[in-house]
């Protein structure tokens, strides 16, 4: 993976990066044990981000945080 450039940092909510090929969203999850999930936006998510901007990211991050197990298979390092 190429070096990541931070684009948006919402603290404990989410961080959006680019690697020159697309966007990577990092979301803090958990209650007692806190961990992060980092996933590359797929084509549909990229289109929604382009159309809706940060409100899409906030809603998507909330979905990831609420149902993290749905996104485990997309977690990248």
PDB file of N, CA and C in Angstrom:
ATOM      1  N   UNK A   1       0.838  -1.167   0.000  1.00  0.00           N
ATOM      2  CA  UNK A   1       0.000   0.000   0.000  1.00  0.00           C
ATOM      3  C   UNK A   1       0.891   1.241   0.000  1.00  0.00           C
ATOM      4  N   UNK A   2       0.521   2.217  -0.787  1.00  0.00           N
ATOM      5  CA  UNK A   2       1.267   3.470  -0.850  1.00  0.00           C
ATOM      6  C   UNK A   2       1.094   4.242   0.452  1.00  0.00           C
ATOM      7  N   UNK A   3       1.926   5.244   0.639  1.00  0.00           N
ATOM      8  CA  UNK A   3       1.819   6.089   1.834  1.00  0.00           C
ATOM      9  C   UNK A   3       0.453   6.763   1.864  1.00  0.00           C
ATOM     10  N   UNK A   4      -0.107   6.847   3.067  1.00  0.00           N
ATOM     11  CA  UNK A   4      -1.419   7.449   3.229  1.00  0.00           C
ATOM     12  C   UNK A   4      -1.301   8.936   3.521  1.00  0.00           C
ATOM     13  N   UNK A   5      -2.192   9.707   2.910  1.00  0.00           N
ATOM     14  CA  UNK A   5      -2.288  11.133   3.186  1.00  0.00           C
ATOM     15  C   UNK A   5      -3.613  11.377   3.893  1.00  0.00           C
ATOM     16  N   UNK A   6      -3.555  11.960   5.070  1.00  0.00           N
ATOM     17  CA  UNK A   6      -4.762  12.250   5.836  1.00  0.00           C
ATOM     18  C   UNK A   6      -5.509  13.416   5.202  1.00  0.00           C
ATOM     19  N   UNK A   7      -6.808  13.219   4.957  1.00  0.00           N
ATOM     20  CA  UNK A   7      -7.631  14.261   4.354  1.00  0.00           C
ATOM     21  C   UNK A   7      -8.587  14.899   5.353  1.00  0.00           C
ATOM     22  N   UNK A   8      -9.226  14.078   6.168  1.00  0.00           N
ATOM     23  CA  UNK A   8     -10.204  14.559   7.150  1.00  0.00           C
ATOM     24  C   UNK A   8      -9.970  13.791   8.445  1.00  0.00           C
ATOM     25  N   UNK A   9      -9.898  14.517   9.540  1.00  0.00           N
ATOM     26  CA  UNK A   9      -9.713  13.875  10.841  1.00  0.00           C
ATOM     27  C   UNK A   9     -10.805  14.376  11.782  1.00  0.00           C
ATOM     28  N   UNK A  10     -11.706  13.484  12.149  1.00  0.00           N
ATOM     29  CA  UNK A  10     -12.799  13.809  13.065  1.00  0.00           C
ATOM     30  C   UNK A  10     -12.553  13.168  14.434  1.00  0.00           C
ATOM     31  N   UNK A  11     -11.303  13.135  14.849  1.00  0.00           N
ATOM     32  CA  UNK A  11     -10.942  12.626  16.169  1.00  0.00           C
ATOM     33  C   UNK A  11     -11.316  11.171  16.352  1.00  0.00           C
ATOM     34  N   UNK A  12     -12.082  10.895  17.387  1.00  0.00           N
ATOM     35  CA  UNK A  12     -12.470   9.516  17.698  1.00  0.00           C
ATOM     36  C   UNK A  12     -13.601   9.008  16.798  1.00  0.00           C
ATOM     37  N   UNK A  13     -14.100   9.834  15.912  1.00  0.00           N
ATOM     38  CA  UNK A  13     -15.186   9.415  15.023  1.00  0.00           C
ATOM     39  C   UNK A  13     -14.644   8.648  13.817  1.00  0.00           C
ATOM     40  N   UNK A  14     -13.845   9.320  13.016  1.00  0.00           N
ATOM     41  CA  UNK A  14     -13.254   8.676  11.842  1.00  0.00           C
ATOM     42  C   UNK A  14     -12.129   9.534  11.290  1.00  0.00           C
ATOM     43  N   UNK A  15     -11.296   8.895  10.468  1.00  0.00           N
ATOM     44  CA  UNK A  15     -10.250   9.586   9.711  1.00  0.00           C
ATOM     45  C   UNK A  15     -10.349   9.088   8.277  1.00  0.00           C
ATOM     46  N   UNK A  16     -10.292  10.015   7.331  1.00  0.00           N
ATOM     47  CA  UNK A  16     -10.306   9.661   5.917  1.00  0.00           C
ATOM     48  C   UNK A  16      -8.919   9.914   5.347  1.00  0.00           C
ATOM     49  N   UNK A  17      -8.409   8.904   4.645  1.00  0.00           N
ATOM     50  CA  UNK A  17      -7.106   8.985   4.005  1.00  0.00           C
ATOM     51  C   UNK A  17      -7.272   8.761   2.509  1.00  0.00           C
ATOM     52  N   UNK A  18      -6.244   9.156   1.761  1.00  0.00           N
ATOM     53  CA  UNK A  18      -6.130   8.745   0.375  1.00  0.00           C
ATOM     54  C   UNK A  18      -4.745   8.138   0.198  1.00  0.00           C
ATOM     55  N   UNK A  19      -4.676   7.170  -0.703  1.00  0.00           N
ATOM     56  CA  UNK A  19      -3.382   6.580  -1.050  1.00  0.00           C
ATOM     57  C   UNK A  19      -3.074   6.821  -2.520  1.00  0.00           C
ATOM     58  N   UNK A  20      -3.819   7.738  -3.126  1.00  0.00           N
ATOM     59  CA  UNK A  20      -3.630   8.051  -4.539  1.00  0.00           C
ATOM     60  C   UNK A  20      -4.463   7.182  -5.452  1.00  0.00           C
ATOM     61  N   UNK A  21      -5.021   6.106  -4.926  1.00  0.00           N
ATOM     62  CA  UNK A  21      -5.849   5.201  -5.727  1.00  0.00           C
ATOM     63  C   UNK A  21      -7.307   5.242  -5.298  1.00  0.00           C
ATOM     64  N   UNK A  22      -7.574   5.801  -4.144  1.00  0.00           N
ATOM     65  CA  UNK A  22      -8.925   5.851  -3.611  1.00  0.00           C
ATOM     66  C   UNK A  22      -8.880   6.335  -2.182  1.00  0.00           C
ATOM     67  N   UNK A  23      -9.992   6.145  -1.482  1.00  0.00           N
ATOM     68  CA  UNK A  23     -10.100   6.607  -0.105  1.00  0.00           C
ATOM     69  C   UNK A  23     -10.155   5.437   0.867  1.00  0.00           C
ATOM     70  N   UNK A  24      -9.567   5.652   2.023  1.00  0.00           N
ATOM     71  CA  UNK A  24      -9.558   4.654   3.088  1.00  0.00           C
ATOM     72  C   UNK A  24     -10.143   5.323   4.328  1.00  0.00           C
ATOM     73  N   UNK A  25     -11.145   4.681   4.902  1.00  0.00           N
ATOM     74  CA  UNK A  25     -11.830   5.211   6.077  1.00  0.00           C
ATOM     75  C   UNK A  25     -11.429   4.394   7.292  1.00  0.00           C
ATOM     76  N   UNK A  26     -10.982   5.091   8.330  1.00  0.00           N
ATOM     77  CA  UNK A  26     -10.608   4.452   9.590  1.00  0.00           C
ATOM     78  C   UNK A  26     -11.622   4.876  10.650  1.00  0.00           C
ATOM     79  N   UNK A  27     -12.232   3.890  11.309  1.00  0.00           N
ATOM     80  CA  UNK A  27     -13.299   4.157  12.273  1.00  0.00           C
ATOM     81  C   UNK A  27     -12.954   3.497  13.601  1.00  0.00           C
ATOM     82  N   UNK A  28     -13.087   4.249  14.683  1.00  0.00           N
ATOM     83  CA  UNK A  28     -12.890   3.707  16.018  1.00  0.00           C
ATOM     84  C   UNK A  28     -14.137   2.930  16.416  1.00  0.00           C
ATOM     85  N   UNK A  29     -13.947   1.707  16.917  1.00  0.00           N
ATOM     86  CA  UNK A  29     -15.053   0.830  17.301  1.00  0.00           C
ATOM     87  C   UNK A  29     -14.809   0.313  18.714  1.00  0.00           C
ATOM     88  N   UNK A  30     -15.842  -0.274  19.274  1.00  0.00           N
ATOM     89  CA  UNK A  30     -15.713  -0.917  20.579  1.00  0.00           C
ATOM     90  C   UNK A  30     -16.205  -0.041  21.709  1.00  0.00           C
ATOM     91  N   UNK A  31     -16.384  -0.676  22.853  1.00  0.00           N
ATOM     92  CA  UNK A  31     -16.823   0.043  24.049  1.00  0.00           C
ATOM     93  C   UNK A  31     -15.783  -0.111  25.155  1.00  0.00           C
ATOM     94  N   UNK A  32     -15.589  -1.323  25.633  1.00  0.00           N
ATOM     95  CA  UNK A  32     -14.586  -1.558  26.662  1.00  0.00           C
ATOM     96  C   UNK A  32     -13.202  -1.615  26.025  1.00  0.00           C
ATOM     97  N   UNK A  33     -13.071  -2.448  25.022  1.00  0.00           N
ATOM     98  CA  UNK A  33     -11.828  -2.523  24.251  1.00  0.00           C
ATOM     99  C   UNK A  33     -12.037  -1.721  22.970  1.00  0.00           C
ATOM    100  N   UNK A  34     -11.236  -0.693  22.787  1.00  0.00           N
ATOM    101  CA  UNK A  34     -11.374   0.166  21.611  1.00  0.00           C
ATOM    102  C   UNK A  34     -10.381  -0.292  20.553  1.00  0.00           C
ATOM    103  N   UNK A  35     -10.848  -0.388  19.335  1.00  0.00           N
ATOM    104  CA  UNK A  35     -10.013  -0.795  18.205  1.00  0.00           C
ATOM    105  C   UNK A  35     -10.487  -0.037  16.982  1.00  0.00           C
ATOM    106  N   UNK A  36      -9.673  -0.050  15.937  1.00  0.00           N
ATOM    107  CA  UNK A  36     -10.099   0.633  14.723  1.00  0.00           C
ATOM    108  C   UNK A  36     -10.256  -0.356  13.583  1.00  0.00           C
ATOM    109  N   UNK A  37     -11.171  -0.018  12.699  1.00  0.00           N
ATOM    110  CA  UNK A  37     -11.336  -0.727  11.434  1.00  0.00           C
ATOM    111  C   UNK A  37     -10.956   0.249  10.338  1.00  0.00           C
ATOM    112  N   UNK A  38     -10.184  -0.234   9.395  1.00  0.00           N
ATOM    113  CA  UNK A  38      -9.735   0.591   8.277  1.00  0.00           C
ATOM    114  C   UNK A  38     -10.150  -0.120   7.005  1.00  0.00           C
ATOM    115  N   UNK A  39     -10.966   0.553   6.196  1.00  0.00           N
ATOM    116  CA  UNK A  39     -11.413  -0.087   4.969  1.00  0.00           C
ATOM    117  C   UNK A  39     -11.396   0.872   3.795  1.00  0.00           C
ATOM    118  N   UNK A  40     -11.152   0.290   2.629  1.00  0.00           N
ATOM    119  CA  UNK A  40     -11.140   1.060   1.388  1.00  0.00           C
ATOM    120  C   UNK A  40     -12.581   1.233   0.923  1.00  0.00           C
ATOM    121  N   UNK A  41     -12.936   2.459   0.556  1.00  0.00           N
ATOM    122  CA  UNK A  41     -14.268   2.685   0.020  1.00  0.00           C
ATOM    123  C   UNK A  41     -14.401   1.964  -1.312  1.00  0.00           C
ATOM    124  N   UNK A  42     -15.529   1.252  -1.469  1.00  0.00           N
ATOM    125  CA  UNK A  42     -15.768   0.590  -2.753  1.00  0.00           C
ATOM    126  C   UNK A  42     -16.348   1.603  -3.742  1.00  0.00           C
ATOM    127  N   UNK A  43     -16.646   1.170  -4.939  1.00  0.00           N
ATOM    128  CA  UNK A  43     -17.093   2.091  -5.988  1.00  0.00           C
ATOM    129  C   UNK A  43     -18.369   2.825  -5.591  1.00  0.00           C
ATOM    130  N   UNK A  44     -19.335   2.108  -5.046  1.00  0.00           N
ATOM    131  CA  UNK A  44     -20.604   2.736  -4.652  1.00  0.00           C
ATOM    132  C   UNK A  44     -20.377   3.757  -3.528  1.00  0.00           C
ATOM    133  N   UNK A  45     -19.524   3.421  -2.581  1.00  0.00           N
ATOM    134  CA  UNK A  45     -19.232   4.333  -1.477  1.00  0.00           C
ATOM    135  C   UNK A  45     -18.477   5.565  -1.968  1.00  0.00           C
ATOM    136  N   UNK A  46     -17.563   5.379  -2.908  1.00  0.00           N
ATOM    137  CA  UNK A  46     -16.844   6.515  -3.502  1.00  0.00           C
ATOM    138  C   UNK A  46     -17.832   7.472  -4.174  1.00  0.00           C
ATOM    139  N   UNK A  47     -18.802   6.912  -4.894  1.00  0.00           N
ATOM    140  CA  UNK A  47     -19.797   7.744  -5.572  1.00  0.00           C
ATOM    141  C   UNK A  47     -20.644   8.512  -4.558  1.00  0.00           C
ATOM    142  N   UNK A  48     -21.036   7.851  -3.492  1.00  0.00           N
ATOM    143  CA  UNK A  48     -21.828   8.531  -2.453  1.00  0.00           C
ATOM    144  C   UNK A  48     -21.011   9.622  -1.771  1.00  0.00           C
ATOM    145  N   UNK A  49     -19.744   9.354  -1.496  1.00  0.00           N
ATOM    146  CA  UNK A  49     -18.890  10.363  -0.889  1.00  0.00           C
ATOM    147  C   UNK A  49     -18.748  11.565  -1.828  1.00  0.00           C
ATOM    148  N   UNK A  50     -18.573  11.314  -3.120  1.00  0.00           N
ATOM    149  CA  UNK A  50     -18.450  12.401  -4.091  1.00  0.00           C
ATOM    150  C   UNK A  50     -19.730  13.241  -4.149  1.00  0.00           C
ATOM    151  N   UNK A  51     -20.881  12.586  -4.017  1.00  0.00           N
ATOM    152  CA  UNK A  51     -22.160  13.292  -4.108  1.00  0.00           C
ATOM    153  C   UNK A  51     -22.569  13.965  -2.798  1.00  0.00           C
ATOM    154  N   UNK A  52     -22.295  13.301  -1.657  1.00  0.00           N
ATOM    155  CA  UNK A  52     -22.826  13.760  -0.366  1.00  0.00           C
ATOM    156  C   UNK A  52     -21.775  14.356   0.560  1.00  0.00           C
ATOM    157  N   UNK A  53     -20.513  14.050   0.322  1.00  0.00           N
ATOM    158  CA  UNK A  53     -19.443  14.607   1.139  1.00  0.00           C
ATOM    159  C   UNK A  53     -19.387  14.047   2.551  1.00  0.00           C
ATOM    160  N   UNK A  54     -19.007  14.908   3.486  1.00  0.00           N
ATOM    161  CA  UNK A  54     -18.794  14.477   4.869  1.00  0.00           C
ATOM    162  C   UNK A  54     -20.037  13.909   5.552  1.00  0.00           C
ATOM    163  N   UNK A  55     -21.249  14.365   5.242  1.00  0.00           N
ATOM    164  CA  UNK A  55     -22.413  13.716   5.869  1.00  0.00           C
ATOM    165  C   UNK A  55     -22.492  12.213   5.560  1.00  0.00           C
ATOM    166  N   UNK A  56     -22.107  11.823   4.352  1.00  0.00           N
ATOM    167  CA  UNK A  56     -22.065  10.388   4.039  1.00  0.00           C
ATOM    168  C   UNK A  56     -21.038   9.691   4.921  1.00  0.00           C
ATOM    169  N   UNK A  57     -19.837  10.274   5.047  1.00  0.00           N
ATOM    170  CA  UNK A  57     -18.792   9.642   5.861  1.00  0.00           C
ATOM    171  C   UNK A  57     -19.236   9.480   7.305  1.00  0.00           C
ATOM    172  N   UNK A  58     -19.895  10.496   7.863  1.00  0.00           N
ATOM    173  CA  UNK A  58     -20.353  10.423   9.251  1.00  0.00           C
ATOM    174  C   UNK A  58     -21.373   9.298   9.421  1.00  0.00           C
ATOM    175  N   UNK A  59     -22.312   9.193   8.495  1.00  0.00           N
ATOM    176  CA  UNK A  59     -23.334   8.137   8.575  1.00  0.00           C
ATOM    177  C   UNK A  59     -22.709   6.762   8.367  1.00  0.00           C
ATOM    178  N   UNK A  60     -21.789   6.649   7.419  1.00  0.00           N
ATOM    179  CA  UNK A  60     -21.140   5.374   7.143  1.00  0.00           C
ATOM    180  C   UNK A  60     -20.271   4.953   8.328  1.00  0.00           C
ATOM    181  N   UNK A  61     -19.537   5.896   8.908  1.00  0.00           N
ATOM    182  CA  UNK A  61     -18.719   5.590  10.089  1.00  0.00           C
ATOM    183  C   UNK A  61     -19.602   5.112  11.236  1.00  0.00           C
ATOM    184  N   UNK A  62     -20.766   5.727  11.397  1.00  0.00           N
ATOM    185  CA  UNK A  62     -21.692   5.305  12.449  1.00  0.00           C
ATOM    186  C   UNK A  62     -22.181   3.881  12.198  1.00  0.00           C
ATOM    187  N   UNK A  63     -22.459   3.552  10.946  1.00  0.00           N
ATOM    188  CA  UNK A  63     -22.872   2.181  10.603  1.00  0.00           C
ATOM    189  C   UNK A  63     -21.763   1.184  10.927  1.00  0.00           C
ATOM    190  N   UNK A  64     -20.534   1.524  10.585  1.00  0.00           N
ATOM    191  CA  UNK A  64     -19.397   0.648  10.867  1.00  0.00           C
ATOM    192  C   UNK A  64     -19.224   0.470  12.375  1.00  0.00           C
ATOM    193  N   UNK A  65     -19.325   1.558  13.116  1.00  0.00           N
ATOM    194  CA  UNK A  65     -19.160   1.514  14.569  1.00  0.00           C
ATOM    195  C   UNK A  65     -20.280   0.702  15.235  1.00  0.00           C
ATOM    196  N   UNK A  66     -21.495   0.798  14.709  1.00  0.00           N
ATOM    197  CA  UNK A  66     -22.641   0.097  15.281  1.00  0.00           C
ATOM    198  C   UNK A  66     -22.628  -1.391  14.950  1.00  0.00           C
ATOM    199  N   UNK A  67     -22.192  -1.739  13.741  1.00  0.00           N
ATOM    200  CA  UNK A  67     -22.177  -3.133  13.278  1.00  0.00           C
ATOM    201  C   UNK A  67     -20.790  -3.515  12.756  1.00  0.00           C
ATOM    202  N   UNK A  68     -19.753  -3.442  13.589  1.00  0.00           N
ATOM    203  CA  UNK A  68     -18.394  -3.664  13.082  1.00  0.00           C
ATOM    204  C   UNK A  68     -18.178  -5.040  12.466  1.00  0.00           C
ATOM    205  N   UNK A  69     -18.855  -6.058  12.974  1.00  0.00           N
ATOM    206  CA  UNK A  69     -18.622  -7.407  12.443  1.00  0.00           C
ATOM    207  C   UNK A  69     -19.011  -7.517  10.967  1.00  0.00           C
ATOM    208  N   UNK A  70     -19.888  -6.660  10.506  1.00  0.00           N
ATOM    209  CA  UNK A  70     -20.266  -6.663   9.084  1.00  0.00           C
ATOM    210  C   UNK A  70     -19.104  -6.221   8.190  1.00  0.00           C
ATOM    211  N   UNK A  71     -18.094  -5.585   8.778  1.00  0.00           N
ATOM    212  CA  UNK A  71     -17.010  -5.010   7.996  1.00  0.00           C
ATOM    213  C   UNK A  71     -15.654  -5.645   8.275  1.00  0.00           C
ATOM    214  N   UNK A  72     -15.605  -6.661   9.139  1.00  0.00           N
ATOM    215  CA  UNK A  72     -14.326  -7.292   9.470  1.00  0.00           C
ATOM    216  C   UNK A  72     -13.591  -7.794   8.237  1.00  0.00           C
ATOM    217  N   UNK A  73     -14.327  -8.353   7.286  1.00  0.00           N
ATOM    218  CA  UNK A  73     -13.669  -8.920   6.103  1.00  0.00           C
ATOM    219  C   UNK A  73     -13.072  -7.841   5.189  1.00  0.00           C
ATOM    220  N   UNK A  74     -13.434  -6.592   5.403  1.00  0.00           N
ATOM    221  CA  UNK A  74     -12.891  -5.497   4.591  1.00  0.00           C
ATOM    222  C   UNK A  74     -11.759  -4.767   5.298  1.00  0.00           C
ATOM    223  N   UNK A  75     -11.456  -5.143   6.535  1.00  0.00           N
ATOM    224  CA  UNK A  75     -10.413  -4.460   7.307  1.00  0.00           C
ATOM    225  C   UNK A  75      -9.057  -4.651   6.652  1.00  0.00           C
ATOM    226  N   UNK A  76      -8.344  -3.564   6.475  1.00  0.00           N
ATOM    227  CA  UNK A  76      -7.002  -3.609   5.873  1.00  0.00           C
ATOM    228  C   UNK A  76      -6.001  -3.006   6.862  1.00  0.00           C
ATOM    229  N   UNK A  77      -4.754  -3.331   6.670  1.00  0.00           N
ATOM    230  CA  UNK A  77      -3.678  -2.774   7.497  1.00  0.00           C
ATOM    231  C   UNK A  77      -2.656  -2.154   6.634  1.00  0.00           C
TER     232      UNK A  77
END
